[in-house]
Amino acid sequence: MSAPSAIRATGLTKLYGKLLAVDHVDMDVRAGTIFGLLGPNGAGKTTIIKLLTGLSDLSDGQASVAGYDVVRQPMQVKQRIGWVAAEVILDDDLSGWENLWLQAKLQRLGDWKPRAEELLRYFSLTDRREDKVKTYSTGMRKKLEIALALLHQPEVIFMDEPTIGLDASTRRSLWELITGVNREFGVTVLLTSHYIEEADALCHNISIIDQGRFIATGTPSELKGRVRSDFIELEASDGVTEELLRSVPGVAEVRTQGKAWILKVANSEETLPHLFRALGPERIRRLNVEKPSLESAFLEMTGKKIDQAGSDVHDYRKFYLNVRRSRQ
């Protein structure tokens, strides 16, 4: 028998004036899984979290979290969820233990200390519990933030771009923490990200989101399996035209994105020799081949690469994190 739904939504919609930020989204997140919302900045990922947690009113549709309606039973929902935000939520001038104490007070928890001790042990923070958070490394701070989110034993945790602004090593360490929390504590995780490799490594199921709409949903393998083509990303001299590229044997489709050409081909190994002959090596400035992957799945379904799809939307959260770190 399949696991029950931890999150369900039908026709989830959010309008800000004339801007349709979330466009009639349906979702079903099974309990005990890690579900990813994968899309560029400005795609509507954070807005969906705000709708599901009751921080923003629905314009249309219905949603439930942990079995409770987000509109009619918002307090029951809030009692059963945790949130790990991209922004720093810790008080730097308090110790790790004092941050847990403050969280317990804010949530009116009674016998919270045994749970706090358990979490500190799990995240290997017991020896630093009395140290001020401003002395913590980035990885330790993230551990403590997750500990705060788990303190009241939630059924569902929302993680909104939890690794944004982190270096590659710290990001991968956090991936291990997220999978461990899901496995050891049995908590359902809804994760938003614009990192392809992050969604692929962590999520049991993924919804690709663009401009407020779900383009596709499935396991990472299922989404990759939808791609039957290779993609060649090409930057060439000014004399290269769309007509020339379309004439190359094996090229099925030609798109432009910024300064690059995106060529959809059945088999890159067979097409590349024809491409070199047609253009000549001296006219090729940069070339990249994309085999079936989540990146190519996003490109196939949206017509653009994820790292460029939201390039016109300024990432204020990353800016905030960088400014805060520069002051430390």
C-alpha atoms as a PDB file:
ATOM      1  CA  MET A   1       0.000   0.000   0.000  1.00  0.00           C
ATOM      2  CA  SER A   2       1.387   3.417  -0.964  1.00  0.00           C
ATOM      3  CA  ALA A   3       2.222   6.039   1.659  1.00  0.00           C
ATOM      4  CA  PRO A   4      -0.393   8.723   2.373  1.00  0.00           C
ATOM      5  CA  SER A   5      -0.031  12.236   1.045  1.00  0.00           C
ATOM      6  CA  ALA A   6       1.902  14.712   3.200  1.00  0.00           C
ATOM      7  CA  ILE A   7       1.089  17.595   0.841  1.00  0.00           C
ATOM      8  CA  ARG A   8      -1.742  17.824  -1.652  1.00  0.00           C
ATOM      9  CA  ALA A   9      -2.749  20.744  -3.837  1.00  0.00           C
ATOM     10  CA  THR A  10      -5.299  21.183  -6.607  1.00  0.00           C
ATOM     11  CA  GLY A  11      -5.384  24.248  -8.833  1.00  0.00           C
ATOM     12  CA  LEU A  12      -3.013  26.144  -6.516  1.00  0.00           C
ATOM     13  CA  THR A  13      -2.953  29.727  -7.806  1.00  0.00           C
ATOM     14  CA  LYS A  14      -1.484  33.054  -6.713  1.00  0.00           C
ATOM     15  CA  LEU A  15      -2.073  36.428  -8.328  1.00  0.00           C
ATOM     16  CA  TYR A  16      -0.200  39.597  -7.408  1.00  0.00           C
ATOM     17  CA  GLY A  17      -2.267  42.184  -9.214  1.00  0.00           C
ATOM     18  CA  LYS A  18      -2.006  41.134 -12.849  1.00  0.00           C
ATOM     19  CA  LEU A  19       1.050  38.956 -12.248  1.00  0.00           C
ATOM     20  CA  LEU A  20       0.222  35.241 -12.222  1.00  0.00           C
ATOM     21  CA  ALA A  21       2.966  33.960  -9.907  1.00  0.00           C
ATOM     22  CA  VAL A  22       1.594  30.416  -9.467  1.00  0.00           C
ATOM     23  CA  ASP A  23      -0.567  29.077 -12.263  1.00  0.00           C
ATOM     24  CA  HIS A  24      -3.085  26.359 -11.236  1.00  0.00           C
ATOM     25  CA  VAL A  25      -0.558  23.893  -9.829  1.00  0.00           C
ATOM     26  CA  ASP A  26      -1.487  20.341  -8.825  1.00  0.00           C
ATOM     27  CA  MET A  27       0.839  18.407  -6.530  1.00  0.00           C
ATOM     28  CA  ASP A  28       0.869  15.241  -4.437  1.00  0.00           C
ATOM     29  CA  VAL A  29       3.838  14.674  -2.118  1.00  0.00           C
ATOM     30  CA  ARG A  30       3.953  11.265  -0.497  1.00  0.00           C
ATOM     31  CA  ALA A  31       4.766  11.086   3.214  1.00  0.00           C
ATOM     32  CA  GLY A  32       8.386  10.295   4.042  1.00  0.00           C
ATOM     33  CA  THR A  33       9.813  11.416   0.706  1.00  0.00           C
ATOM     34  CA  ILE A  34      11.968  14.300  -0.515  1.00  0.00           C
ATOM     35  CA  PHE A  35      10.078  16.260  -3.166  1.00  0.00           C
ATOM     36  CA  GLY A  36      11.848  18.890  -5.234  1.00  0.00           C
ATOM     37  CA  LEU A  37      10.629  22.027  -6.973  1.00  0.00           C
ATOM     38  CA  LEU A  38      13.261  22.642  -9.649  1.00  0.00           C
ATOM     39  CA  GLY A  39      13.268  25.910 -11.525  1.00  0.00           C
ATOM     40  CA  PRO A  40      15.057  29.210 -12.082  1.00  0.00           C
ATOM     41  CA  ASN A  41      14.872  32.262  -9.842  1.00  0.00           C
ATOM     42  CA  GLY A  42      11.447  33.879 -10.146  1.00  0.00           C
ATOM     43  CA  ALA A  43       9.717  30.653 -11.260  1.00  0.00           C
ATOM     44  CA  GLY A  44       7.289  30.660  -8.302  1.00  0.00           C
ATOM     45  CA  LYS A  45       8.972  28.148  -5.983  1.00  0.00           C
ATOM     46  CA  THR A  46       9.061  30.336  -2.856  1.00  0.00           C
ATOM     47  CA  THR A  47       5.514  31.550  -3.513  1.00  0.00           C
ATOM     48  CA  ILE A  48       4.307  27.934  -3.476  1.00  0.00           C
ATOM     49  CA  ILE A  49       5.931  27.421  -0.071  1.00  0.00           C
ATOM     50  CA  LYS A  50       4.266  30.583   1.240  1.00  0.00           C
ATOM     51  CA  LEU A  51       0.896  29.324   0.033  1.00  0.00           C
ATOM     52  CA  LEU A  52       1.365  25.885   1.605  1.00  0.00           C
ATOM     53  CA  THR A  53       2.526  27.306   4.943  1.00  0.00           C
ATOM     54  CA  GLY A  54      -0.224  29.915   5.195  1.00  0.00           C
ATOM     55  CA  LEU A  55       2.110  32.888   4.839  1.00  0.00           C
ATOM     56  CA  SER A  56       0.286  33.994   1.702  1.00  0.00           C
ATOM     57  CA  ASP A  57      -3.395  33.715   0.780  1.00  0.00           C
ATOM     58  CA  LEU A  58      -4.487  31.492  -2.081  1.00  0.00           C
ATOM     59  CA  SER A  59      -6.028  33.278  -5.052  1.00  0.00           C
ATOM     60  CA  ASP A  60      -7.616  30.003  -6.126  1.00  0.00           C
ATOM     61  CA  GLY A  61      -7.387  26.282  -5.527  1.00  0.00           C
ATOM     62  CA  GLN A  62      -7.118  24.037  -2.488  1.00  0.00           C
ATOM     63  CA  ALA A  63      -4.220  22.641  -0.481  1.00  0.00           C
ATOM     64  CA  SER A  64      -3.590  20.468   2.551  1.00  0.00           C
ATOM     65  CA  VAL A  65      -0.424  19.791   4.547  1.00  0.00           C
ATOM     66  CA  ALA A  66      -0.105  16.905   7.029  1.00  0.00           C
ATOM     67  CA  GLY A  67      -3.790  16.229   6.486  1.00  0.00           C
ATOM     68  CA  TYR A  68      -5.000  19.765   7.359  1.00  0.00           C
ATOM     69  CA  ASP A  69      -6.474  22.383   5.063  1.00  0.00           C
ATOM     70  CA  VAL A  70      -4.132  25.376   4.765  1.00  0.00           C
ATOM     71  CA  VAL A  71      -7.031  27.853   4.572  1.00  0.00           C
ATOM     72  CA  ARG A  72      -9.491  26.457   7.123  1.00  0.00           C
ATOM     73  CA  GLN A  73      -6.956  24.946   9.563  1.00  0.00           C
ATOM     74  CA  PRO A  74      -3.839  27.139   9.370  1.00  0.00           C
ATOM     75  CA  MET A  75      -2.782  26.686  13.001  1.00  0.00           C
ATOM     76  CA  GLN A  76      -2.903  22.896  12.762  1.00  0.00           C
ATOM     77  CA  VAL A  77      -0.711  23.138   9.669  1.00  0.00           C
ATOM     78  CA  LYS A  78       1.826  25.439  11.354  1.00  0.00           C
ATOM     79  CA  GLN A  79       2.105  23.080  14.331  1.00  0.00           C
ATOM     80  CA  ARG A  80       3.194  20.268  12.033  1.00  0.00           C
ATOM     81  CA  ILE A  81       5.693  21.972   9.745  1.00  0.00           C
ATOM     82  CA  GLY A  82       9.222  23.313   9.914  1.00  0.00           C
ATOM     83  CA  TRP A  83      10.985  25.738   7.593  1.00  0.00           C
ATOM     84  CA  VAL A  84      14.649  26.102   6.657  1.00  0.00           C
ATOM     85  CA  ALA A  85      14.970  29.370   4.752  1.00  0.00           C
ATOM     86  CA  ALA A  86      17.757  30.674   2.541  1.00  0.00           C
ATOM     87  CA  GLU A  87      18.067  33.693   4.842  1.00  0.00           C
ATOM     88  CA  VAL A  88      19.924  33.306   8.133  1.00  0.00           C
ATOM     89  CA  ILE A  89      17.435  32.907  10.990  1.00  0.00           C
ATOM     90  CA  LEU A  90      19.883  32.421  13.855  1.00  0.00           C
ATOM     91  CA  ASP A  91      20.798  34.998  16.488  1.00  0.00           C
ATOM     92  CA  ASP A  92      24.575  35.371  16.225  1.00  0.00           C
ATOM     93  CA  ASP A  93      24.937  36.787  19.730  1.00  0.00           C
ATOM     94  CA  LEU A  94      23.280  33.777  21.358  1.00  0.00           C
ATOM     95  CA  SER A  95      24.815  30.357  21.834  1.00  0.00           C
ATOM     96  CA  GLY A  96      23.585  27.282  19.998  1.00  0.00           C
ATOM     97  CA  TRP A  97      21.679  26.162  23.108  1.00  0.00           C
ATOM     98  CA  GLU A  98      20.180  29.631  23.589  1.00  0.00           C
ATOM     99  CA  ASN A  99      18.944  29.628  19.994  1.00  0.00           C
ATOM    100  CA  LEU A 100      17.199  26.317  20.693  1.00  0.00           C
ATOM    101  CA  TRP A 101      15.754  27.756  23.916  1.00  0.00           C
ATOM    102  CA  LEU A 102      14.423  30.778  22.014  1.00  0.00           C
ATOM    103  CA  GLN A 103      12.858  28.530  19.390  1.00  0.00           C
ATOM    104  CA  ALA A 104      11.188  26.478  22.135  1.00  0.00           C
ATOM    105  CA  LYS A 105       9.772  29.644  23.725  1.00  0.00           C
ATOM    106  CA  LEU A 106       8.450  30.950  20.420  1.00  0.00           C
ATOM    107  CA  GLN A 107       6.701  27.640  19.782  1.00  0.00           C
ATOM    108  CA  ARG A 108       5.549  27.282  23.413  1.00  0.00           C
ATOM    109  CA  LEU A 109       7.151  23.869  23.781  1.00  0.00           C
ATOM    110  CA  GLY A 110       7.110  22.223  27.173  1.00  0.00           C
ATOM    111  CA  ASP A 111       9.557  19.364  27.627  1.00  0.00           C
ATOM    112  CA  TRP A 112      11.899  20.429  24.799  1.00  0.00           C
ATOM    113  CA  LYS A 113      15.321  19.840  26.352  1.00  0.00           C
ATOM    114  CA  PRO A 114      15.626  16.068  25.676  1.00  0.00           C
ATOM    115  CA  ARG A 115      14.748  16.682  22.043  1.00  0.00           C
ATOM    116  CA  ALA A 116      17.276  19.528  21.835  1.00  0.00           C
ATOM    117  CA  GLU A 117      19.991  17.321  23.330  1.00  0.00           C
ATOM    118  CA  GLU A 118      19.178  14.585  20.804  1.00  0.00           C
ATOM    119  CA  LEU A 119      19.420  17.019  17.904  1.00  0.00           C
ATOM    120  CA  LEU A 120      22.726  18.471  19.082  1.00  0.00           C
ATOM    121  CA  ARG A 121      24.162  14.962  19.301  1.00  0.00           C
ATOM    122  CA  TYR A 122      22.829  14.019  15.883  1.00  0.00           C
ATOM    123  CA  PHE A 123      24.348  17.107  14.252  1.00  0.00           C
ATOM    124  CA  SER A 124      27.629  16.799  16.231  1.00  0.00           C
ATOM    125  CA  LEU A 125      27.123  20.182  17.914  1.00  0.00           C
ATOM    126  CA  THR A 126      27.118  19.108  21.568  1.00  0.00           C
ATOM    127  CA  ASP A 127      30.669  20.352  22.188  1.00  0.00           C
ATOM    128  CA  ARG A 128      29.788  23.784  20.763  1.00  0.00           C
ATOM    129  CA  ARG A 129      26.394  24.236  22.413  1.00  0.00           C
ATOM    130  CA  GLU A 130      27.592  27.048  24.705  1.00  0.00           C
ATOM    131  CA  ASP A 131      29.541  28.915  22.005  1.00  0.00           C
ATOM    132  CA  LYS A 132      28.032  31.940  20.321  1.00  0.00           C
ATOM    133  CA  VAL A 133      26.666  31.213  16.864  1.00  0.00           C
ATOM    134  CA  LYS A 134      28.830  33.935  15.310  1.00  0.00           C
ATOM    135  CA  THR A 135      31.815  31.645  15.936  1.00  0.00           C
ATOM    136  CA  TYR A 136      30.205  28.777  13.985  1.00  0.00           C
ATOM    137  CA  SER A 137      31.280  27.753  10.506  1.00  0.00           C
ATOM    138  CA  THR A 138      28.752  27.949   7.676  1.00  0.00           C
ATOM    139  CA  GLY A 139      28.149  24.220   7.873  1.00  0.00           C
ATOM    140  CA  MET A 140      27.560  24.343  11.633  1.00  0.00           C
ATOM    141  CA  ARG A 141      25.099  27.201  11.236  1.00  0.00           C
ATOM    142  CA  LYS A 142      23.114  25.182   8.688  1.00  0.00           C
ATOM    143  CA  LYS A 143      23.076  22.207  11.059  1.00  0.00           C
ATOM    144  CA  LEU A 144      21.700  24.387  13.836  1.00  0.00           C
ATOM    145  CA  GLU A 145      19.050  25.886  11.539  1.00  0.00           C
ATOM    146  CA  ILE A 146      17.832  22.403  10.659  1.00  0.00           C
ATOM    147  CA  ALA A 147      17.878  21.456  14.354  1.00  0.00           C
ATOM    148  CA  LEU A 148      15.616  24.424  15.115  1.00  0.00           C
ATOM    149  CA  ALA A 149      13.230  23.331  12.368  1.00  0.00           C
ATOM    150  CA  LEU A 150      13.106  19.802  13.850  1.00  0.00           C
ATOM    151  CA  LEU A 151      12.751  20.822  17.497  1.00  0.00           C
ATOM    152  CA  HIS A 152       8.950  20.494  17.649  1.00  0.00           C
ATOM    153  CA  GLN A 153       9.018  17.178  15.724  1.00  0.00           C
ATOM    154  CA  PRO A 154       7.270  18.347  12.545  1.00  0.00           C
ATOM    155  CA  GLU A 155       5.825  15.994   9.962  1.00  0.00           C
ATOM    156  CA  VAL A 156       6.874  18.170   7.021  1.00  0.00           C
ATOM    157  CA  ILE A 157       9.886  20.460   6.530  1.00  0.00           C
ATOM    158  CA  PHE A 158      10.049  23.093   3.813  1.00  0.00           C
ATOM    159  CA  MET A 159      13.581  23.892   2.655  1.00  0.00           C
ATOM    160  CA  ASP A 160      13.680  26.948   0.433  1.00  0.00           C
ATOM    161  CA  GLU A 161      16.976  27.072  -1.501  1.00  0.00           C
ATOM    162  CA  PRO A 162      18.846  25.804   1.603  1.00  0.00           C
ATOM    163  CA  THR A 163      22.245  25.674  -0.118  1.00  0.00           C
ATOM    164  CA  ILE A 164      22.164  29.014  -1.936  1.00  0.00           C
ATOM    165  CA  GLY A 165      25.439  30.902  -1.639  1.00  0.00           C
ATOM    166  CA  LEU A 166      27.355  27.921  -0.206  1.00  0.00           C
ATOM    167  CA  ASP A 167      30.591  26.598  -1.640  1.00  0.00           C
ATOM    168  CA  ALA A 168      30.516  23.211  -3.377  1.00  0.00           C
ATOM    169  CA  SER A 169      31.999  21.284  -0.441  1.00  0.00           C
ATOM    170  CA  THR A 170      29.573  22.714   2.152  1.00  0.00           C
ATOM    171  CA  ARG A 171      26.666  22.205  -0.241  1.00  0.00           C
ATOM    172  CA  ARG A 172      27.442  18.510  -0.626  1.00  0.00           C
ATOM    173  CA  SER A 173      27.795  18.116   3.141  1.00  0.00           C
ATOM    174  CA  LEU A 174      24.357  19.632   3.532  1.00  0.00           C
ATOM    175  CA  TRP A 175      22.966  17.153   0.996  1.00  0.00           C
ATOM    176  CA  GLU A 176      24.075  14.343   3.295  1.00  0.00           C
ATOM    177  CA  LEU A 177      22.372  16.056   6.234  1.00  0.00           C
ATOM    178  CA  ILE A 178      19.096  16.452   4.330  1.00  0.00           C
ATOM    179  CA  THR A 179      18.974  12.806   3.243  1.00  0.00           C
ATOM    180  CA  GLY A 180      19.920  11.760   6.770  1.00  0.00           C
ATOM    181  CA  VAL A 181      17.161  13.852   8.353  1.00  0.00           C
ATOM    182  CA  ASN A 182      14.621  12.409   5.922  1.00  0.00           C
ATOM    183  CA  ARG A 183      15.757   8.873   6.682  1.00  0.00           C
ATOM    184  CA  GLU A 184      16.424   9.057  10.442  1.00  0.00           C
ATOM    185  CA  PHE A 185      13.523  11.270  11.511  1.00  0.00           C
ATOM    186  CA  GLY A 186      10.997  10.119   8.890  1.00  0.00           C
ATOM    187  CA  VAL A 187      10.126  13.709   8.022  1.00  0.00           C
ATOM    188  CA  THR A 188       8.788  14.688   4.601  1.00  0.00           C
ATOM    189  CA  VAL A 189      10.939  17.315   2.874  1.00  0.00           C
ATOM    190  CA  LEU A 190       9.773  19.761   0.227  1.00  0.00           C
ATOM    191  CA  LEU A 191      12.906  21.274  -1.270  1.00  0.00           C
ATOM    192  CA  THR A 192      13.198  24.142  -3.729  1.00  0.00           C
ATOM    193  CA  SER A 193      16.325  24.533  -5.810  1.00  0.00           C
ATOM    194  CA  HIS A 194      17.723  25.881  -9.045  1.00  0.00           C
ATOM    195  CA  TYR A 195      20.709  23.525  -8.833  1.00  0.00           C
ATOM    196  CA  ILE A 196      20.231  20.623 -11.244  1.00  0.00           C
ATOM    197  CA  GLU A 197      22.697  18.319  -9.484  1.00  0.00           C
ATOM    198  CA  GLU A 198      21.099  19.024  -6.096  1.00  0.00           C
ATOM    199  CA  ALA A 199      17.622  17.962  -7.191  1.00  0.00           C
ATOM    200  CA  ASP A 200      19.072  14.893  -8.915  1.00  0.00           C
ATOM    201  CA  ALA A 201      21.044  13.829  -5.829  1.00  0.00           C
ATOM    202  CA  LEU A 202      18.369  14.420  -3.192  1.00  0.00           C
ATOM    203  CA  CYS A 203      14.845  14.097  -4.527  1.00  0.00           C
ATOM    204  CA  HIS A 204      12.627  11.054  -4.900  1.00  0.00           C
ATOM    205  CA  ASN A 205      10.304  13.080  -7.124  1.00  0.00           C
ATOM    206  CA  ILE A 206      10.720  16.421  -8.864  1.00  0.00           C
ATOM    207  CA  SER A 207       8.416  18.966 -10.451  1.00  0.00           C
ATOM    208  CA  ILE A 208      10.059  21.160 -13.064  1.00  0.00           C
ATOM    209  CA  ILE A 209       8.559  24.646 -12.647  1.00  0.00           C
ATOM    210  CA  ASP A 210       8.818  27.604 -14.994  1.00  0.00           C
ATOM    211  CA  GLN A 211       6.849  30.861 -14.951  1.00  0.00           C
ATOM    212  CA  GLY A 212       4.549  29.584 -12.215  1.00  0.00           C
ATOM    213  CA  ARG A 213       3.557  26.376 -14.009  1.00  0.00           C
ATOM    214  CA  PHE A 214       4.516  22.752 -13.490  1.00  0.00           C
ATOM    215  CA  ILE A 215       6.025  21.605 -16.768  1.00  0.00           C
ATOM    216  CA  ALA A 216       6.600  17.990 -15.730  1.00  0.00           C
ATOM    217  CA  THR A 217       6.667  15.785 -12.622  1.00  0.00           C
ATOM    218  CA  GLY A 218       8.392  12.461 -12.013  1.00  0.00           C
ATOM    219  CA  THR A 219      11.418  10.736 -10.562  1.00  0.00           C
ATOM    220  CA  PRO A 220      14.802  11.995 -11.787  1.00  0.00           C
ATOM    221  CA  SER A 221      15.110   8.866 -13.941  1.00  0.00           C
ATOM    222  CA  GLU A 222      11.653   9.359 -15.449  1.00  0.00           C
ATOM    223  CA  LEU A 223      12.366  12.979 -16.324  1.00  0.00           C
ATOM    224  CA  LYS A 224      15.698  12.081 -17.908  1.00  0.00           C
ATOM    225  CA  GLY A 225      13.978   9.285 -19.811  1.00  0.00           C
ATOM    226  CA  ARG A 226      11.762  11.800 -21.599  1.00  0.00           C
ATOM    227  CA  VAL A 227      14.776  13.172 -23.435  1.00  0.00           C
ATOM    228  CA  ARG A 228      15.585  11.327 -26.651  1.00  0.00           C
ATOM    229  CA  SER A 229      18.047  13.863 -28.025  1.00  0.00           C
ATOM    230  CA  ASP A 230      21.426  15.424 -27.363  1.00  0.00           C
ATOM    231  CA  PHE A 231      21.946  19.176 -27.262  1.00  0.00           C
ATOM    232  CA  ILE A 232      24.935  21.096 -28.587  1.00  0.00           C
ATOM    233  CA  GLU A 233      25.492  24.585 -27.182  1.00  0.00           C
ATOM    234  CA  LEU A 234      27.549  26.627 -29.590  1.00  0.00           C
ATOM    235  CA  GLU A 235      29.042  30.113 -29.659  1.00  0.00           C
ATOM    236  CA  ALA A 236      30.307  31.031 -33.115  1.00  0.00           C
ATOM    237  CA  SER A 237      31.498  33.985 -35.147  1.00  0.00           C
ATOM    238  CA  ASP A 238      29.029  36.539 -36.485  1.00  0.00           C
ATOM    239  CA  GLY A 239      28.911  34.954 -39.922  1.00  0.00           C
ATOM    240  CA  VAL A 240      27.137  31.835 -38.651  1.00  0.00           C
ATOM    241  CA  THR A 241      23.403  31.919 -39.392  1.00  0.00           C
ATOM    242  CA  GLU A 242      20.396  29.864 -38.393  1.00  0.00           C
ATOM    243  CA  GLU A 243      19.999  28.704 -41.988  1.00  0.00           C
ATOM    244  CA  LEU A 244      23.554  27.384 -42.038  1.00  0.00           C
ATOM    245  CA  LEU A 245      23.099  25.484 -38.792  1.00  0.00           C
ATOM    246  CA  ARG A 246      19.792  23.965 -39.908  1.00  0.00           C
ATOM    247  CA  SER A 247      21.513  22.653 -43.031  1.00  0.00           C
ATOM    248  CA  VAL A 248      23.968  20.571 -40.990  1.00  0.00           C
ATOM    249  CA  PRO A 249      23.076  16.844 -41.210  1.00  0.00           C
ATOM    250  CA  GLY A 250      21.655  15.587 -37.914  1.00  0.00           C
ATOM    251  CA  VAL A 251      20.444  18.967 -36.628  1.00  0.00           C
ATOM    252  CA  ALA A 252      16.726  18.689 -35.836  1.00  0.00           C
ATOM    253  CA  GLU A 253      16.139  22.079 -34.211  1.00  0.00           C
ATOM    254  CA  VAL A 254      17.963  25.388 -33.750  1.00  0.00           C
ATOM    255  CA  ARG A 255      17.317  27.873 -30.925  1.00  0.00           C
ATOM    256  CA  THR A 256      19.080  30.986 -29.722  1.00  0.00           C
ATOM    257  CA  GLN A 257      19.796  31.840 -26.115  1.00  0.00           C
ATOM    258  CA  GLY A 258      21.840  34.930 -25.419  1.00  0.00           C
ATOM    259  CA  LYS A 259      25.014  34.712 -27.487  1.00  0.00           C
ATOM    260  CA  ALA A 260      24.702  30.947 -27.950  1.00  0.00           C
ATOM    261  CA  TRP A 261      23.025  28.649 -30.414  1.00  0.00           C
ATOM    262  CA  ILE A 262      21.268  25.564 -28.996  1.00  0.00           C
ATOM    263  CA  LEU A 263      21.176  22.673 -31.464  1.00  0.00           C
ATOM    264  CA  LYS A 264      18.929  19.686 -30.853  1.00  0.00           C
ATOM    265  CA  VAL A 265      20.428  16.598 -32.454  1.00  0.00           C
ATOM    266  CA  ALA A 266      19.636  12.893 -32.442  1.00  0.00           C
ATOM    267  CA  ASN A 267      23.244  11.886 -31.832  1.00  0.00           C
ATOM    268  CA  SER A 268      25.983  14.383 -31.022  1.00  0.00           C
ATOM    269  CA  GLU A 269      28.826  12.006 -31.976  1.00  0.00           C
ATOM    270  CA  GLU A 270      27.438  11.687 -35.510  1.00  0.00           C
ATOM    271  CA  THR A 271      26.539  15.376 -35.876  1.00  0.00           C
ATOM    272  CA  LEU A 272      29.744  16.998 -34.624  1.00  0.00           C
ATOM    273  CA  PRO A 273      31.919  16.017 -37.622  1.00  0.00           C
ATOM    274  CA  HIS A 274      29.305  17.504 -39.984  1.00  0.00           C
ATOM    275  CA  LEU A 275      29.167  20.644 -37.822  1.00  0.00           C
ATOM    276  CA  PHE A 276      32.945  21.113 -37.920  1.00  0.00           C
ATOM    277  CA  ARG A 277      32.993  20.664 -41.690  1.00  0.00           C
ATOM    278  CA  ALA A 278      30.143  23.139 -42.212  1.00  0.00           C
ATOM    279  CA  LEU A 279      31.512  25.867 -39.943  1.00  0.00           C
ATOM    280  CA  GLY A 280      35.235  25.264 -39.795  1.00  0.00           C
ATOM    281  CA  PRO A 281      37.052  25.184 -36.429  1.00  0.00           C
ATOM    282  CA  GLU A 282      38.079  28.843 -36.734  1.00  0.00           C
ATOM    283  CA  ARG A 283      34.426  29.985 -36.516  1.00  0.00           C
ATOM    284  CA  ILE A 284      33.670  28.034 -33.326  1.00  0.00           C
ATOM    285  CA  ARG A 285      34.392  29.984 -30.132  1.00  0.00           C
ATOM    286  CA  ARG A 286      32.838  27.617 -27.603  1.00  0.00           C
ATOM    287  CA  LEU A 287      31.084  24.260 -27.786  1.00  0.00           C
ATOM    288  CA  ASN A 288      29.390  22.111 -25.157  1.00  0.00           C
ATOM    289  CA  VAL A 289      27.540  18.810 -25.543  1.00  0.00           C
ATOM    290  CA  GLU A 290      24.633  18.004 -23.225  1.00  0.00           C
ATOM    291  CA  LYS A 291      23.666  14.336 -22.961  1.00  0.00           C
ATOM    292  CA  PRO A 292      20.284  13.249 -21.480  1.00  0.00           C
ATOM    293  CA  SER A 293      20.165  14.661 -17.948  1.00  0.00           C
ATOM    294  CA  LEU A 294      17.914  16.833 -15.814  1.00  0.00           C
ATOM    295  CA  GLU A 295      19.593  19.819 -17.447  1.00  0.00           C
ATOM    296  CA  SER A 296      18.671  18.605 -20.920  1.00  0.00           C
ATOM    297  CA  ALA A 297      15.197  17.623 -19.674  1.00  0.00           C
ATOM    298  CA  PHE A 298      14.659  21.204 -18.516  1.00  0.00           C
ATOM    299  CA  LEU A 299      15.975  22.469 -21.830  1.00  0.00           C
ATOM    300  CA  GLU A 300      13.759  20.065 -23.786  1.00  0.00           C
ATOM    301  CA  MET A 301      10.622  21.021 -21.870  1.00  0.00           C
ATOM    302  CA  THR A 302      11.110  24.777 -21.492  1.00  0.00           C
ATOM    303  CA  GLY A 303      13.316  25.657 -24.445  1.00  0.00           C
ATOM    304  CA  LYS A 304      16.006  27.239 -22.238  1.00  0.00           C
ATOM    305  CA  LYS A 305      18.752  26.311 -19.792  1.00  0.00           C
ATOM    306  CA  ILE A 306      17.885  26.630 -16.136  1.00  0.00           C
ATOM    307  CA  ASP A 307      20.871  28.838 -15.299  1.00  0.00           C
ATOM    308  CA  GLN A 308      19.735  31.358 -17.912  1.00  0.00           C
ATOM    309  CA  ALA A 309      15.962  30.995 -17.627  1.00  0.00           C
ATOM    310  CA  GLY A 310      15.794  33.274 -14.590  1.00  0.00           C
ATOM    311  CA  SER A 311      18.732  35.506 -15.441  1.00  0.00           C
ATOM    312  CA  ASP A 312      16.501  38.581 -15.575  1.00  0.00           C
ATOM    313  CA  VAL A 313      15.322  38.048 -11.978  1.00  0.00           C
ATOM    314  CA  HIS A 314      17.698  39.427  -9.336  1.00  0.00           C
ATOM    315  CA  ASP A 315      18.399  36.938  -6.541  1.00  0.00           C
ATOM    316  CA  TYR A 316      17.873  39.107  -3.480  1.00  0.00           C
ATOM    317  CA  ARG A 317      18.386  36.212  -1.067  1.00  0.00           C
ATOM    318  CA  LYS A 318      21.919  35.525  -2.306  1.00  0.00           C
ATOM    319  CA  PHE A 319      22.645  39.261  -2.184  1.00  0.00           C
ATOM    320  CA  TYR A 320      21.379  39.361   1.423  1.00  0.00           C
ATOM    321  CA  LEU A 321      23.598  36.446   2.424  1.00  0.00           C
ATOM    322  CA  ASN A 322      26.690  37.995   0.850  1.00  0.00           C
ATOM    323  CA  VAL A 323      26.093  41.357   2.531  1.00  0.00           C
ATOM    324  CA  ARG A 324      25.595  39.688   5.918  1.00  0.00           C
ATOM    325  CA  ARG A 325      28.816  37.694   5.573  1.00  0.00           C
ATOM    326  CA  SER A 326      30.787  40.768   4.560  1.00  0.00           C
ATOM    327  CA  ARG A 327      29.850  42.397   7.868  1.00  0.00           C
ATOM    328  CA  GLN A 328      31.105  39.538  10.011  1.00  0.00           C
END
